[in-house]
Amino acid sequence: MNRSLRRTSGLAALALTATMGLAACGSSDSDGSGASDSKPSSDSSMSSTPSGDAMDAGAQTFGAGCASVPADGAGSFNGMATEPVATAASANPLLKTLVAAVGQAGLGDTLNSAEGITVFAPTDDAFGAIPKKTLDAVLADKKTLTKILTYHVVPGQLTPDQLAGTHETLEGEDLTVDGSGEDFTVGSNNAKVVCGNIPTANATVYVIDSVLMP
């Protein structure tokens, strides 16, 4: 993601307090209304018509968590491959909390219009591990939520061979990925990639089992 996109994401967020623990991701509008009010909108210019490649979009994915992705429909690998990333995630049943938080922060259009990004997407179970009071507080704080969510995004569509290393995030801080092959951990809390190399129209998604913190 380029620096201008980083600036437009409103990342003047202050540092998180130590008591916050972890954070979230999902859908709503930028005025801070409830996460269920809206889903990230799709930029029609980013959508693509299913092709031969899209019809086998799950061929290069890996990880035990991939078995939980629907076999067909909008939330399947093939369905996600035809939509920009925020819209693609909104159809996937594993990523409901992530989608709710993305909408709450007003980042749906930003992610959908990005040209080539990698998104580390925490599962609903990852958010479920966060105390409800802490999660609700983060979802209600747009600056903090934006800081956390953009820390899950790095520029470029990283293949598994490119994944290990240190990457500058959209939030501005570095994120380190360790591992190789089909075994990767992300960030200081060693979030595990449970389903990796998922293609969308403008991003590559790695589903992880913990929420990352800047």
Protein backbone atom coordinates (compact mmCIF):
# COMPACT_ATOMS: atom_id res chain seq x y z
CA MET A 1 0.00 0.00 0.00
CA ASN A 2 1.44 3.36 -0.88
CA ARG A 3 2.03 6.17 1.62
CA SER A 4 -0.79 8.34 0.28
CA LEU A 5 -3.27 5.56 1.00
CA ARG A 6 -1.79 5.25 4.43
CA ARG A 7 -2.34 8.94 5.12
CA THR A 8 -5.93 8.88 3.82
CA SER A 9 -6.83 6.09 6.21
CA GLY A 10 -6.88 8.58 9.07
CA LEU A 11 -4.04 6.95 10.99
CA ALA A 12 -3.42 9.72 13.48
CA ALA A 13 -4.43 7.15 16.10
CA LEU A 14 -2.76 7.35 19.52
CA ALA A 15 -0.89 4.37 20.98
CA LEU A 16 -3.06 1.67 22.52
CA THR A 17 -3.20 1.29 26.28
CA ALA A 18 -1.64 -1.85 27.73
CA THR A 19 -4.95 -2.95 29.19
CA MET A 20 -6.66 -3.20 25.86
CA GLY A 21 -5.13 -6.52 25.02
CA LEU A 22 -6.33 -7.45 21.56
CA ALA A 23 -8.66 -5.90 18.98
CA ALA A 24 -11.14 -6.43 16.17
CA CYS A 25 -12.28 -6.16 12.57
CA GLY A 26 -15.81 -5.80 10.75
CA SER A 27 -18.55 -3.70 8.98
CA SER A 28 -20.52 -0.49 9.54
CA ASP A 29 -20.28 3.09 8.47
CA SER A 30 -17.74 5.71 9.42
CA ASP A 31 -20.05 7.63 11.73
CA GLY A 32 -19.57 4.92 14.39
CA SER A 33 -23.05 3.41 14.09
CA GLY A 34 -23.69 -0.26 14.89
CA ALA A 35 -21.63 -2.85 13.06
CA SER A 36 -24.75 -4.50 11.66
CA ASP A 37 -25.93 -1.34 9.89
CA SER A 38 -23.95 -1.85 6.73
CA LYS A 39 -21.45 -4.01 4.92
CA PRO A 40 -18.36 -2.75 3.09
CA SER A 41 -19.51 -1.59 -0.33
CA SER A 42 -17.97 -3.03 -3.43
CA ASP A 43 -16.31 -0.77 -5.96
CA SER A 44 -17.64 -2.20 -9.20
CA SER A 45 -14.40 -1.30 -10.96
CA MET A 46 -12.56 -3.77 -8.72
CA SER A 47 -14.90 -6.69 -9.36
CA SER A 48 -13.89 -9.19 -11.99
CA THR A 49 -15.77 -11.70 -14.06
CA PRO A 50 -15.10 -15.31 -13.08
CA SER A 51 -12.37 -16.81 -15.26
CA GLY A 52 -10.73 -20.20 -15.55
CA ASP A 53 -8.35 -19.23 -12.74
CA ALA A 54 -11.15 -17.96 -10.50
CA MET A 55 -12.99 -21.23 -10.90
CA ASP A 56 -10.07 -22.97 -9.16
CA ALA A 57 -9.34 -20.18 -6.70
CA GLY A 58 -8.74 -22.57 -3.82
CA ALA A 59 -6.06 -24.60 -5.60
CA GLN A 60 -3.11 -22.78 -4.02
CA THR A 61 -4.60 -22.23 -0.56
CA PHE A 62 -3.24 -24.10 2.46
CA GLY A 63 -3.97 -24.75 6.11
CA ALA A 64 -6.39 -26.80 8.20
CA GLY A 65 -8.76 -23.83 8.50
CA CYS A 66 -9.44 -23.89 4.77
CA ALA A 67 -11.78 -26.84 5.36
CA SER A 68 -14.19 -24.41 7.06
CA VAL A 69 -14.52 -22.20 3.99
CA PRO A 70 -17.80 -22.86 2.13
CA ALA A 71 -17.48 -25.06 -0.95
CA ASP A 72 -19.61 -22.74 -3.05
CA GLY A 73 -21.39 -19.40 -3.02
CA ALA A 74 -20.09 -15.88 -2.40
CA GLY A 75 -18.08 -16.93 0.66
CA SER A 76 -16.25 -19.74 -1.12
CA PHE A 77 -12.77 -19.40 -2.57
CA ASN A 78 -14.21 -18.97 -6.06
CA GLY A 79 -16.76 -16.43 -4.86
CA MET A 80 -14.20 -14.38 -2.93
CA ALA A 81 -11.83 -14.33 -5.89
CA THR A 82 -14.25 -12.24 -7.93
CA GLU A 83 -14.72 -9.44 -5.37
CA PRO A 84 -12.48 -6.80 -3.75
CA VAL A 85 -11.27 -7.83 -0.34
CA ALA A 86 -13.72 -6.13 2.06
CA THR A 87 -16.71 -7.26 0.03
CA ALA A 88 -15.23 -10.76 -0.35
CA ALA A 89 -14.73 -11.06 3.41
CA SER A 90 -18.31 -9.94 4.08
CA ALA A 91 -19.56 -13.14 2.44
CA ASN A 92 -17.29 -15.46 4.39
CA PRO A 93 -18.85 -16.95 7.55
CA LEU A 94 -15.46 -17.19 9.31
CA LEU A 95 -14.90 -13.42 9.21
CA LYS A 96 -18.11 -11.83 10.52
CA THR A 97 -16.47 -9.92 13.36
CA LEU A 98 -13.66 -8.72 11.11
CA VAL A 99 -16.18 -7.44 8.60
CA ALA A 100 -18.17 -5.71 11.35
CA ALA A 101 -15.07 -3.90 12.61
CA VAL A 102 -13.96 -2.82 9.12
CA GLY A 103 -17.35 -1.24 8.58
CA GLN A 104 -17.32 0.33 12.05
CA ALA A 105 -14.01 2.02 11.20
CA GLY A 106 -15.24 3.10 7.75
CA LEU A 107 -12.42 1.23 6.00
CA GLY A 108 -14.44 -0.85 3.55
CA ASP A 109 -14.01 1.49 0.58
CA THR A 110 -10.33 2.04 1.40
CA LEU A 111 -9.62 -1.69 1.33
CA ASN A 112 -11.81 -2.35 -1.69
CA SER A 113 -10.09 0.35 -3.77
CA ALA A 114 -6.52 -0.58 -2.81
CA GLU A 115 -4.35 -1.86 -5.62
CA GLY A 116 -2.67 -5.02 -4.41
CA ILE A 117 -2.55 -5.69 -0.67
CA THR A 118 -2.14 -8.57 1.75
CA VAL A 119 -4.64 -8.86 4.60
CA PHE A 120 -4.14 -10.90 7.76
CA ALA A 121 -7.73 -11.70 8.71
CA PRO A 122 -8.54 -12.86 12.26
CA THR A 123 -11.30 -15.42 12.58
CA ASP A 124 -14.42 -14.94 14.66
CA ASP A 125 -12.87 -17.30 17.22
CA ALA A 126 -9.84 -14.99 17.45
CA PHE A 127 -12.13 -12.12 18.40
CA GLY A 128 -14.05 -14.41 20.73
CA ALA A 129 -10.89 -14.82 22.81
CA ILE A 130 -10.97 -11.10 23.64
CA PRO A 131 -12.99 -10.12 26.74
CA LYS A 132 -16.30 -8.67 25.55
CA LYS A 133 -15.84 -5.46 27.52
CA THR A 134 -12.44 -4.85 25.89
CA LEU A 135 -13.71 -5.68 22.41
CA ASP A 136 -16.76 -3.44 22.77
CA ALA A 137 -14.54 -0.57 23.93
CA VAL A 138 -12.26 -0.92 20.92
CA LEU A 139 -15.16 -1.12 18.48
CA ALA A 140 -16.51 2.11 19.94
CA ASP A 141 -13.18 3.95 19.53
CA LYS A 142 -12.72 4.65 15.82
CA LYS A 143 -9.12 5.89 16.08
CA THR A 144 -7.96 2.86 18.03
CA LEU A 145 -9.96 0.49 15.83
CA THR A 146 -8.49 2.02 12.66
CA LYS A 147 -4.97 1.69 14.06
CA ILE A 148 -5.50 -1.98 14.85
CA LEU A 149 -7.20 -2.91 11.59
CA THR A 150 -4.65 -1.20 9.36
CA TYR A 151 -1.90 -3.05 11.24
CA HIS A 152 -3.36 -6.20 9.65
CA VAL A 153 -2.71 -4.91 6.10
CA VAL A 154 0.57 -4.74 4.17
CA PRO A 155 1.27 -3.55 0.63
CA GLY A 156 1.63 -6.06 -2.18
CA GLN A 157 -0.07 -9.40 -2.73
CA LEU A 158 2.41 -11.63 -0.93
CA THR A 159 2.79 -15.24 -2.03
CA PRO A 160 3.75 -17.87 0.55
CA ASP A 161 7.35 -17.64 -0.70
CA GLN A 162 7.34 -13.88 0.03
CA LEU A 163 5.50 -14.03 3.34
CA ALA A 164 8.32 -14.56 5.84
CA GLY A 165 10.12 -11.36 6.80
CA THR A 166 9.36 -7.89 8.09
CA HIS A 167 6.72 -5.81 6.29
CA GLU A 168 5.59 -2.21 6.79
CA THR A 169 1.86 -2.13 7.46
CA LEU A 170 -0.77 0.36 6.38
CA GLU A 171 -0.80 1.50 10.00
CA GLY A 172 2.88 2.47 9.63
CA GLU A 173 4.57 0.01 11.99
CA ASP A 174 6.46 -3.11 10.96
CA LEU A 175 4.93 -6.58 11.15
CA THR A 176 7.11 -9.70 11.23
CA VAL A 177 6.09 -13.04 9.78
CA ASP A 178 8.06 -16.19 10.61
CA GLY A 179 7.95 -19.61 8.99
CA SER A 180 8.04 -21.28 5.62
CA GLY A 181 6.12 -23.67 3.40
CA GLU A 182 2.66 -23.92 4.92
CA ASP A 183 3.59 -23.08 8.52
CA PHE A 184 3.63 -19.37 9.42
CA THR A 185 3.19 -17.24 12.52
CA VAL A 186 2.47 -13.52 12.44
CA GLY A 187 3.31 -10.71 14.86
CA SER A 188 4.62 -10.67 18.41
CA ASN A 189 1.76 -12.86 19.65
CA ASN A 190 2.61 -15.57 17.09
CA ALA A 191 -0.81 -15.67 15.44
CA LYS A 192 -0.93 -18.81 13.33
CA VAL A 193 -1.99 -18.79 9.69
CA VAL A 194 -4.86 -21.29 9.58
CA CYS A 195 -5.85 -20.75 5.94
CA GLY A 196 -3.45 -18.98 3.64
CA ASN A 197 -3.00 -17.61 0.13
CA ILE A 198 -6.70 -16.88 -0.47
CA PRO A 199 -7.15 -14.73 -3.59
CA THR A 200 -9.59 -11.84 -3.92
CA ALA A 201 -9.89 -9.37 -6.79
CA ASN A 202 -7.35 -6.96 -5.24
CA ALA A 203 -5.76 -8.77 -2.30
CA THR A 204 -4.31 -11.96 -0.91
CA VAL A 205 -5.77 -13.05 2.43
CA TYR A 206 -4.15 -15.07 5.21
CA VAL A 207 -6.67 -16.07 7.88
CA ILE A 208 -5.09 -16.06 11.36
CA ASP A 209 -6.14 -17.39 14.77
CA SER A 210 -5.34 -14.28 16.87
CA VAL A 211 -5.87 -10.53 16.57
CA LEU A 212 -2.65 -8.57 15.98
CA MET A 213 -1.70 -5.50 18.01
CA PRO A 214 0.54 -2.60 16.91
